[in-house]
Amino acid sequence: MPLDKPYLDVPGTTIFDADQSRKGYWLNQFCMSLMKAENRERFKADERAYLDEWPMSEEQKQAVLARDLNRCIALGGNIYFLAKIGATDGKSFQQMAGSMTGMTEDEYRDMMIRGGRSIEGNRHLGEDGDAQPHRQPQGRASRGERRN
């Protein structure tokens, strides 16, 4: 029986849990290999050939080749491992994060300086949101109520 994962109803958020870790194991191992200079050089010389040395899914390989970091995350990538791809490409974490939000680096920086993205529409059910009404929390007091 699958575990109940109430955190799955936060819109636009992928939680890196045990299932994601299993799904992305080889993708994340590939990323970690980029910590070695010789591996970065091999990857930059022929990205597809280097990726084919790893038992990743074709979808994961395509996401890496396209530098679609949001897709990589959906396919089990962990952002801290994926940062190795950005570093190999000479990109800062801020540049990577901006690309993942559809913003320029400057727009992303300015948003973060102003306090980050709005919480409106980014709460899970039970936090005054209605992201996924089919996932009604059971046995919890609603916000503002106390259970004795």
N, C-alpha and C. Protein backbone atom coordinates (compact mmCIF):
# COMPACT_ATOMS: atom_id res chain seq x y z
N MET A 1 0.85 -1.18 0.00
CA MET A 1 0.00 0.00 0.00
C MET A 1 0.90 1.24 0.00
N PRO A 2 0.67 2.17 -0.92
CA PRO A 2 1.52 3.36 -0.98
C PRO A 2 1.32 4.24 0.26
N LEU A 3 2.38 4.91 0.62
CA LEU A 3 2.31 5.84 1.74
C LEU A 3 1.48 7.05 1.36
N ASP A 4 0.75 7.57 2.33
CA ASP A 4 0.04 8.83 2.10
C ASP A 4 1.08 9.94 2.07
N LYS A 5 1.02 10.76 1.06
CA LYS A 5 1.99 11.84 0.90
C LYS A 5 1.22 13.16 0.77
N PRO A 6 0.81 13.71 1.91
CA PRO A 6 0.02 14.95 1.85
C PRO A 6 0.77 16.10 1.21
N TYR A 7 2.09 16.04 1.16
CA TYR A 7 2.89 17.11 0.57
C TYR A 7 2.82 17.13 -0.95
N LEU A 8 2.19 16.14 -1.55
CA LEU A 8 2.10 16.12 -3.02
C LEU A 8 1.12 17.14 -3.56
N ASP A 9 0.34 17.78 -2.69
CA ASP A 9 -0.66 18.73 -3.20
C ASP A 9 -0.20 20.18 -3.12
N VAL A 10 1.11 20.43 -3.11
CA VAL A 10 1.61 21.79 -3.18
C VAL A 10 1.86 22.10 -4.65
N PRO A 11 1.09 23.00 -5.24
CA PRO A 11 1.19 23.24 -6.68
C PRO A 11 2.57 23.70 -7.11
N GLY A 12 3.04 23.13 -8.20
CA GLY A 12 4.31 23.53 -8.77
C GLY A 12 5.53 23.08 -7.99
N THR A 13 5.35 22.14 -7.07
CA THR A 13 6.45 21.70 -6.21
C THR A 13 6.65 20.20 -6.34
N THR A 14 7.88 19.79 -6.57
CA THR A 14 8.23 18.38 -6.55
C THR A 14 9.10 18.16 -5.32
N ILE A 15 8.65 17.29 -4.43
CA ILE A 15 9.40 16.98 -3.22
C ILE A 15 10.34 15.82 -3.53
N PHE A 16 11.61 16.00 -3.20
CA PHE A 16 12.60 14.95 -3.42
C PHE A 16 12.52 13.98 -2.23
N ASP A 17 11.74 12.92 -2.44
CA ASP A 17 11.57 11.92 -1.40
C ASP A 17 12.19 10.60 -1.87
N ALA A 18 11.95 9.53 -1.16
CA ALA A 18 12.56 8.24 -1.50
C ALA A 18 12.17 7.78 -2.90
N ASP A 19 10.92 7.99 -3.29
CA ASP A 19 10.49 7.58 -4.64
C ASP A 19 11.23 8.37 -5.72
N GLN A 20 11.35 9.69 -5.51
CA GLN A 20 12.08 10.52 -6.47
C GLN A 20 13.55 10.12 -6.50
N SER A 21 14.10 9.81 -5.35
CA SER A 21 15.50 9.40 -5.26
C SER A 21 15.75 8.13 -6.08
N ARG A 22 14.86 7.15 -5.95
CA ARG A 22 15.00 5.92 -6.74
C ARG A 22 14.87 6.20 -8.23
N LYS A 23 13.89 7.02 -8.58
CA LYS A 23 13.65 7.33 -9.99
C LYS A 23 14.86 8.04 -10.61
N GLY A 24 15.49 8.91 -9.86
CA GLY A 24 16.57 9.72 -10.41
C GLY A 24 17.97 9.26 -10.06
N TYR A 25 18.10 8.06 -9.52
CA TYR A 25 19.41 7.62 -9.02
C TYR A 25 20.52 7.81 -10.05
N TRP A 26 20.35 7.28 -11.26
CA TRP A 26 21.43 7.36 -12.26
C TRP A 26 21.60 8.76 -12.82
N LEU A 27 20.51 9.50 -12.92
CA LEU A 27 20.61 10.90 -13.34
C LEU A 27 21.48 11.67 -12.33
N ASN A 28 21.22 11.46 -11.06
CA ASN A 28 21.97 12.17 -10.02
C ASN A 28 23.42 11.68 -9.94
N GLN A 29 23.64 10.40 -10.20
CA GLN A 29 25.01 9.87 -10.23
C GLN A 29 25.79 10.49 -11.39
N PHE A 30 25.13 10.62 -12.55
CA PHE A 30 25.76 11.30 -13.68
C PHE A 30 26.18 12.71 -13.27
N CYS A 31 25.25 13.44 -12.65
CA CYS A 31 25.56 14.81 -12.24
C CYS A 31 26.76 14.85 -11.31
N MET A 32 26.81 13.95 -10.36
CA MET A 32 27.93 13.93 -9.42
C MET A 32 29.24 13.62 -10.12
N SER A 33 29.18 12.87 -11.21
CA SER A 33 30.42 12.56 -11.94
C SER A 33 31.06 13.84 -12.49
N LEU A 34 30.25 14.88 -12.67
CA LEU A 34 30.75 16.13 -13.23
C LEU A 34 31.60 16.92 -12.22
N MET A 35 31.77 16.39 -11.04
CA MET A 35 32.66 17.02 -10.07
C MET A 35 34.12 16.83 -10.45
N LYS A 36 34.39 15.84 -11.29
CA LYS A 36 35.77 15.58 -11.73
C LYS A 36 36.02 16.27 -13.07
N ALA A 37 37.11 16.99 -13.15
CA ALA A 37 37.44 17.78 -14.35
C ALA A 37 37.48 16.90 -15.60
N GLU A 38 38.05 15.72 -15.49
CA GLU A 38 38.14 14.87 -16.69
C GLU A 38 36.76 14.44 -17.18
N ASN A 39 35.82 14.25 -16.27
CA ASN A 39 34.46 13.90 -16.68
C ASN A 39 33.74 15.10 -17.31
N ARG A 40 33.97 16.28 -16.76
CA ARG A 40 33.37 17.48 -17.37
C ARG A 40 33.89 17.65 -18.79
N GLU A 41 35.16 17.43 -19.00
CA GLU A 41 35.74 17.56 -20.35
C GLU A 41 35.16 16.52 -21.30
N ARG A 42 35.03 15.29 -20.84
CA ARG A 42 34.44 14.24 -21.68
C ARG A 42 33.00 14.58 -22.03
N PHE A 43 32.25 15.06 -21.05
CA PHE A 43 30.85 15.43 -21.28
C PHE A 43 30.77 16.57 -22.30
N LYS A 44 31.58 17.60 -22.11
CA LYS A 44 31.53 18.75 -23.03
C LYS A 44 31.98 18.37 -24.44
N ALA A 45 32.87 17.40 -24.56
CA ALA A 45 33.36 16.98 -25.88
C ALA A 45 32.30 16.23 -26.67
N ASP A 46 31.48 15.43 -26.01
CA ASP A 46 30.43 14.66 -26.68
C ASP A 46 29.37 14.29 -25.64
N GLU A 47 28.43 15.21 -25.45
CA GLU A 47 27.43 15.05 -24.40
C GLU A 47 26.66 13.74 -24.54
N ARG A 48 26.20 13.46 -25.75
CA ARG A 48 25.37 12.25 -25.93
C ARG A 48 26.17 10.99 -25.63
N ALA A 49 27.38 10.91 -26.10
CA ALA A 49 28.20 9.72 -25.84
C ALA A 49 28.42 9.54 -24.34
N TYR A 50 28.69 10.63 -23.64
CA TYR A 50 28.91 10.53 -22.20
C TYR A 50 27.63 10.10 -21.48
N LEU A 51 26.51 10.68 -21.86
CA LEU A 51 25.23 10.30 -21.25
C LEU A 51 24.91 8.83 -21.50
N ASP A 52 25.27 8.33 -22.68
CA ASP A 52 24.97 6.94 -23.01
C ASP A 52 25.76 5.94 -22.17
N GLU A 53 26.76 6.42 -21.45
CA GLU A 53 27.50 5.55 -20.54
C GLU A 53 26.72 5.30 -19.24
N TRP A 54 25.67 6.05 -19.04
CA TRP A 54 24.88 5.96 -17.81
C TRP A 54 23.54 5.29 -18.09
N PRO A 55 23.09 4.40 -17.18
CA PRO A 55 21.81 3.70 -17.39
C PRO A 55 20.60 4.56 -17.02
N MET A 56 20.55 5.74 -17.62
CA MET A 56 19.43 6.66 -17.41
C MET A 56 18.37 6.37 -18.47
N SER A 57 17.16 6.82 -18.22
CA SER A 57 16.12 6.68 -19.24
C SER A 57 16.41 7.66 -20.38
N GLU A 58 15.87 7.36 -21.53
CA GLU A 58 16.04 8.26 -22.67
C GLU A 58 15.44 9.62 -22.36
N GLU A 59 14.33 9.63 -21.64
CA GLU A 59 13.68 10.90 -21.28
C GLU A 59 14.61 11.73 -20.39
N GLN A 60 15.30 11.10 -19.45
CA GLN A 60 16.25 11.82 -18.61
C GLN A 60 17.40 12.38 -19.45
N LYS A 61 17.92 11.57 -20.37
CA LYS A 61 19.02 12.04 -21.22
C LYS A 61 18.58 13.23 -22.07
N GLN A 62 17.38 13.17 -22.63
CA GLN A 62 16.89 14.28 -23.44
C GLN A 62 16.71 15.54 -22.61
N ALA A 63 16.25 15.38 -21.37
CA ALA A 63 16.08 16.54 -20.50
C ALA A 63 17.43 17.19 -20.20
N VAL A 64 18.47 16.38 -19.98
CA VAL A 64 19.81 16.92 -19.75
C VAL A 64 20.29 17.65 -21.00
N LEU A 65 20.16 17.00 -22.16
CA LEU A 65 20.64 17.61 -23.40
C LEU A 65 19.94 18.95 -23.67
N ALA A 66 18.66 19.03 -23.33
CA ALA A 66 17.88 20.26 -23.54
C ALA A 66 18.09 21.26 -22.40
N ARG A 67 18.80 20.83 -21.36
CA ARG A 67 19.00 21.64 -20.14
C ARG A 67 17.66 22.06 -19.55
N ASP A 68 16.70 21.13 -19.65
CA ASP A 68 15.37 21.35 -19.09
C ASP A 68 15.40 20.87 -17.63
N LEU A 69 15.82 21.75 -16.75
CA LEU A 69 16.02 21.37 -15.35
C LEU A 69 14.71 21.05 -14.65
N ASN A 70 13.63 21.69 -15.03
CA ASN A 70 12.33 21.35 -14.44
C ASN A 70 11.95 19.92 -14.80
N ARG A 71 12.21 19.52 -16.03
CA ARG A 71 11.91 18.15 -16.44
C ARG A 71 12.83 17.18 -15.71
N CYS A 72 14.11 17.54 -15.57
CA CYS A 72 15.04 16.70 -14.82
C CYS A 72 14.54 16.47 -13.39
N ILE A 73 14.02 17.51 -12.76
CA ILE A 73 13.49 17.36 -11.40
C ILE A 73 12.29 16.42 -11.40
N ALA A 74 11.40 16.59 -12.38
CA ALA A 74 10.24 15.70 -12.46
C ALA A 74 10.66 14.24 -12.66
N LEU A 75 11.82 14.05 -13.27
CA LEU A 75 12.31 12.70 -13.56
C LEU A 75 13.26 12.18 -12.48
N GLY A 76 13.25 12.83 -11.33
CA GLY A 76 14.01 12.34 -10.19
C GLY A 76 15.29 13.08 -9.88
N GLY A 77 15.58 14.13 -10.63
CA GLY A 77 16.79 14.89 -10.37
C GLY A 77 16.66 15.72 -9.11
N ASN A 78 17.76 15.83 -8.39
CA ASN A 78 17.82 16.67 -7.21
C ASN A 78 18.55 17.95 -7.60
N ILE A 79 18.00 19.09 -7.24
CA ILE A 79 18.54 20.37 -7.68
C ILE A 79 20.00 20.55 -7.28
N TYR A 80 20.39 20.00 -6.15
CA TYR A 80 21.77 20.16 -5.71
C TYR A 80 22.73 19.34 -6.58
N PHE A 81 22.25 18.23 -7.11
CA PHE A 81 23.05 17.46 -8.06
C PHE A 81 23.01 18.13 -9.44
N LEU A 82 21.82 18.58 -9.85
CA LEU A 82 21.65 19.20 -11.15
C LEU A 82 22.49 20.48 -11.28
N ALA A 83 22.80 21.10 -10.16
CA ALA A 83 23.65 22.30 -10.18
C ALA A 83 25.00 22.00 -10.82
N LYS A 84 25.43 20.74 -10.79
CA LYS A 84 26.72 20.37 -11.40
C LYS A 84 26.67 20.55 -12.92
N ILE A 85 25.50 20.36 -13.51
CA ILE A 85 25.36 20.60 -14.95
C ILE A 85 25.53 22.09 -15.23
N GLY A 86 24.85 22.91 -14.44
CA GLY A 86 24.98 24.36 -14.61
C GLY A 86 26.41 24.82 -14.44
N ALA A 87 27.09 24.29 -13.43
CA ALA A 87 28.49 24.68 -13.20
C ALA A 87 29.36 24.25 -14.38
N THR A 88 29.07 23.08 -14.94
CA THR A 88 29.82 22.62 -16.12
C THR A 88 29.61 23.57 -17.29
N ASP A 89 28.42 24.12 -17.38
CA ASP A 89 28.09 25.08 -18.45
C ASP A 89 28.53 26.50 -18.11
N GLY A 90 29.12 26.70 -16.94
CA GLY A 90 29.56 28.04 -16.54
C GLY A 90 28.43 28.92 -16.05
N LYS A 91 27.35 28.32 -15.57
CA LYS A 91 26.19 29.09 -15.09
C LYS A 91 26.16 29.11 -13.58
N SER A 92 25.72 30.22 -13.04
CA SER A 92 25.54 30.32 -11.60
C SER A 92 24.22 29.66 -11.22
N PHE A 93 24.08 29.37 -9.94
CA PHE A 93 22.83 28.81 -9.45
C PHE A 93 21.69 29.80 -9.71
N GLN A 94 21.96 31.07 -9.56
CA GLN A 94 20.94 32.10 -9.80
C GLN A 94 20.49 32.09 -11.26
N GLN A 95 21.43 31.90 -12.19
CA GLN A 95 21.06 31.82 -13.61
C GLN A 95 20.19 30.59 -13.85
N MET A 96 20.57 29.47 -13.23
CA MET A 96 19.79 28.25 -13.39
C MET A 96 18.38 28.43 -12.84
N ALA A 97 18.28 28.97 -11.64
CA ALA A 97 16.97 29.16 -11.01
C ALA A 97 16.10 30.09 -11.85
N GLY A 98 16.69 31.14 -12.39
CA GLY A 98 15.94 32.05 -13.26
C GLY A 98 15.38 31.32 -14.46
N SER A 99 16.20 30.48 -15.08
CA SER A 99 15.73 29.74 -16.26
C SER A 99 14.60 28.78 -15.91
N MET A 100 14.61 28.27 -14.69
CA MET A 100 13.57 27.32 -14.26
C MET A 100 12.24 28.01 -13.99
N THR A 101 12.27 29.31 -13.75
CA THR A 101 11.05 30.06 -13.45
C THR A 101 10.55 30.86 -14.64
N GLY A 102 11.30 30.80 -15.75
CA GLY A 102 10.92 31.57 -16.93
C GLY A 102 11.31 33.04 -16.81
N MET A 103 12.21 33.34 -15.89
CA MET A 103 12.65 34.71 -15.68
C MET A 103 14.10 34.86 -16.13
N THR A 104 14.48 36.08 -16.37
CA THR A 104 15.90 36.35 -16.59
C THR A 104 16.59 36.27 -15.24
N GLU A 105 17.91 36.23 -15.29
CA GLU A 105 18.67 36.22 -14.04
C GLU A 105 18.35 37.45 -13.20
N ASP A 106 18.27 38.62 -13.84
CA ASP A 106 17.97 39.86 -13.11
C ASP A 106 16.57 39.84 -12.52
N GLU A 107 15.59 39.37 -13.29
CA GLU A 107 14.22 39.29 -12.78
C GLU A 107 14.15 38.35 -11.57
N TYR A 108 14.83 37.21 -11.68
CA TYR A 108 14.82 36.25 -10.57
C TYR A 108 15.48 36.87 -9.33
N ARG A 109 16.63 37.51 -9.50
CA ARG A 109 17.32 38.15 -8.39
C ARG A 109 16.41 39.19 -7.73
N ASP A 110 15.78 40.03 -8.55
CA ASP A 110 14.91 41.07 -8.01
C ASP A 110 13.73 40.47 -7.24
N MET A 111 13.16 39.39 -7.75
CA MET A 111 12.06 38.74 -7.05
C MET A 111 12.53 38.24 -5.68
N MET A 112 13.71 37.63 -5.64
CA MET A 112 14.22 37.09 -4.38
C MET A 112 14.55 38.22 -3.40
N ILE A 113 15.06 39.32 -3.89
CA ILE A 113 15.36 40.47 -3.03
C ILE A 113 14.07 41.00 -2.41
N ARG A 114 12.97 40.97 -3.18
CA ARG A 114 11.68 41.45 -2.68
C ARG A 114 11.01 40.44 -1.75
N GLY A 115 11.64 39.30 -1.50
CA GLY A 115 11.08 38.33 -0.56
C GLY A 115 10.60 37.04 -1.19
N GLY A 116 10.84 36.83 -2.46
CA GLY A 116 10.45 35.57 -3.10
C GLY A 116 9.09 35.65 -3.74
N ARG A 117 8.65 34.50 -4.23
CA ARG A 117 7.35 34.46 -4.92
C ARG A 117 6.21 34.55 -3.93
N SER A 118 5.08 34.98 -4.42
CA SER A 118 3.88 35.09 -3.62
C SER A 118 3.42 33.72 -3.18
N ILE A 119 2.84 33.63 -1.99
CA ILE A 119 2.30 32.36 -1.53
C ILE A 119 0.92 32.08 -2.12
N GLU A 120 0.30 33.10 -2.71
CA GLU A 120 -1.03 32.93 -3.27
C GLU A 120 -1.00 31.85 -4.35
N GLY A 121 -1.85 30.86 -4.21
CA GLY A 121 -1.92 29.76 -5.17
C GLY A 121 -0.85 28.70 -4.94
N ASN A 122 -0.04 28.89 -3.91
CA ASN A 122 1.05 27.95 -3.64
C ASN A 122 0.93 27.27 -2.28
N ARG A 123 -0.27 27.24 -1.75
CA ARG A 123 -0.50 26.59 -0.46
C ARG A 123 -1.17 25.24 -0.71
N HIS A 124 -0.99 24.34 0.21
CA HIS A 124 -1.70 23.07 0.06
C HIS A 124 -3.03 23.13 0.78
N LEU A 125 -3.91 22.22 0.42
CA LEU A 125 -5.23 22.16 1.03
C LEU A 125 -5.07 22.07 2.54
N GLY A 126 -5.81 22.85 3.26
CA GLY A 126 -5.67 22.89 4.70
C GLY A 126 -4.88 24.11 5.13
N GLU A 127 -4.30 24.82 4.20
CA GLU A 127 -3.60 26.08 4.49
C GLU A 127 -4.30 27.20 3.72
N ASP A 128 -5.61 27.20 3.77
CA ASP A 128 -6.43 28.19 3.08
C ASP A 128 -6.31 28.09 1.57
N GLY A 129 -5.92 26.96 1.04
CA GLY A 129 -5.79 26.79 -0.40
C GLY A 129 -6.77 25.75 -0.91
N ASP A 130 -6.85 25.66 -2.22
CA ASP A 130 -7.71 24.65 -2.80
C ASP A 130 -7.01 24.03 -4.00
N ALA A 131 -5.72 23.79 -3.86
CA ALA A 131 -4.92 23.30 -4.97
C ALA A 131 -5.43 21.98 -5.52
N GLN A 132 -5.74 21.05 -4.63
CA GLN A 132 -6.21 19.74 -5.06
C GLN A 132 -7.34 19.30 -4.14
N PRO A 133 -8.56 19.76 -4.40
CA PRO A 133 -9.65 19.49 -3.49
C PRO A 133 -9.95 18.01 -3.31
N HIS A 134 -9.52 17.17 -4.23
CA HIS A 134 -9.76 15.73 -4.09
C HIS A 134 -8.92 15.12 -2.98
N ARG A 135 -7.92 15.85 -2.46
CA ARG A 135 -7.06 15.35 -1.38
C ARG A 135 -7.46 16.02 -0.06
N GLN A 136 -8.66 15.76 0.39
CA GLN A 136 -9.14 16.35 1.62
C GLN A 136 -8.40 15.74 2.81
N PRO A 137 -7.65 16.56 3.58
CA PRO A 137 -6.96 16.02 4.75
C PRO A 137 -7.94 15.41 5.73
N GLN A 138 -7.58 14.31 6.33
CA GLN A 138 -8.43 13.63 7.29
C GLN A 138 -7.83 13.76 8.68
N GLY A 139 -8.68 13.99 9.66
CA GLY A 139 -8.24 13.97 11.04
C GLY A 139 -7.39 15.16 11.45
N ARG A 140 -7.42 16.24 10.72
CA ARG A 140 -6.65 17.44 11.07
C ARG A 140 -7.60 18.57 11.42
N ALA A 141 -7.20 19.36 12.36
CA ALA A 141 -7.98 20.57 12.64
C ALA A 141 -7.72 21.55 11.51
N SER A 142 -8.77 22.26 11.12
CA SER A 142 -8.55 23.27 10.08
C SER A 142 -7.82 24.46 10.69
N ARG A 143 -7.29 25.27 9.85
CA ARG A 143 -6.52 26.44 10.30
C ARG A 143 -7.37 27.29 11.23
N GLY A 144 -6.82 27.64 12.35
CA GLY A 144 -7.55 28.48 13.29
C GLY A 144 -8.32 27.69 14.34
N GLU A 145 -8.49 26.37 14.13
CA GLU A 145 -9.17 25.54 15.11
C GLU A 145 -8.14 24.82 15.95
N ARG A 146 -8.50 24.53 17.18
CA ARG A 146 -7.62 23.72 18.03
C ARG A 146 -8.37 22.46 18.39
N ARG A 147 -7.65 21.38 18.34
CA ARG A 147 -8.24 20.12 18.78
C ARG A 147 -7.79 19.84 20.21
N ASN A 148 -8.68 19.31 21.02
CA ASN A 148 -8.32 18.99 22.41
C ASN A 148 -7.88 17.57 22.55
